[in-house]
Amino acid sequence: GLANKKTVTVQAAGKDQSVLLATTKPRKQNKPAALLHRSVMKKEFRRMAKAVQNQV
């Protein structure tokens, strides 16, 4: 966030092996509430890995 306007965060979302993928919106830097686009992935591991790879 501080130096780069576009960032990607990958975190564990819970005990059910889901993944939280959060990307920042470059045009919302002055609005902290709308800055992140969060999506929770609950599919199988290969699909989640491919989706994360496509976002980065």
Protein backbone atom coordinates (compact mmCIF):
# COMPACT_ATOMS: atom_id res chain seq x y z
CA GLY A 1 0.00 0.00 0.00
CA LEU A 2 2.34 2.85 0.83
CA ALA A 3 4.59 2.76 -2.24
CA ASN A 4 2.49 0.64 -4.61
CA LYS A 5 -1.13 1.43 -5.41
CA LYS A 6 -2.02 -2.13 -6.47
CA THR A 7 -1.43 -4.86 -3.88
CA VAL A 8 -2.58 -8.44 -3.33
CA THR A 9 -3.10 -10.17 0.03
CA VAL A 10 -3.70 -13.91 0.49
CA GLN A 11 -4.81 -15.16 3.93
CA ALA A 12 -6.40 -18.22 5.46
CA ALA A 13 -10.10 -17.45 5.87
CA GLY A 14 -11.10 -20.07 8.41
CA LYS A 15 -10.86 -23.65 9.58
CA ASP A 16 -12.54 -25.02 6.44
CA GLN A 17 -9.41 -24.50 4.25
CA SER A 18 -10.84 -21.47 2.50
CA VAL A 19 -8.66 -18.64 1.22
CA LEU A 20 -9.30 -14.90 1.43
CA LEU A 21 -7.95 -12.99 -1.56
CA ALA A 22 -7.91 -9.22 -1.09
CA THR A 23 -6.80 -6.80 -3.79
CA THR A 24 -6.59 -3.03 -3.47
CA LYS A 25 -8.40 -0.75 -5.87
CA PRO A 26 -5.91 1.84 -7.19
CA ARG A 27 -8.52 4.59 -7.61
CA LYS A 28 -9.85 4.32 -4.03
CA GLN A 29 -6.65 5.27 -2.19
CA ASN A 30 -8.33 8.17 -0.39
CA LYS A 31 -11.36 6.08 0.74
CA PRO A 32 -10.19 3.43 3.23
CA ALA A 33 -13.62 1.77 3.57
CA ALA A 34 -13.79 1.02 -0.17
CA LEU A 35 -10.09 0.33 -0.68
CA LEU A 36 -10.09 -3.49 -0.61
CA HIS A 37 -11.91 -5.95 -2.83
CA ARG A 38 -12.25 -9.15 -0.80
CA SER A 39 -13.24 -12.55 -2.14
CA VAL A 40 -13.39 -15.83 -0.23
CA MET A 41 -12.57 -18.97 -2.19
CA LYS A 42 -13.91 -22.29 -0.95
CA LYS A 43 -13.27 -24.58 -3.93
CA GLU A 44 -10.60 -27.24 -4.29
CA PHE A 45 -6.94 -26.26 -3.97
CA ARG A 46 -6.04 -26.37 -7.68
CA ARG A 47 -8.86 -24.01 -8.61
CA MET A 48 -7.95 -21.59 -5.82
CA ALA A 49 -4.27 -21.62 -6.79
CA LYS A 50 -5.15 -20.90 -10.42
CA ALA A 51 -7.48 -18.06 -9.45
CA VAL A 52 -4.82 -16.46 -7.23
CA GLN A 53 -2.26 -16.83 -10.02
CA ASN A 54 -4.60 -15.11 -12.49
CA GLN A 55 -5.11 -12.17 -10.11
CA VAL A 56 -1.39 -11.62 -9.62
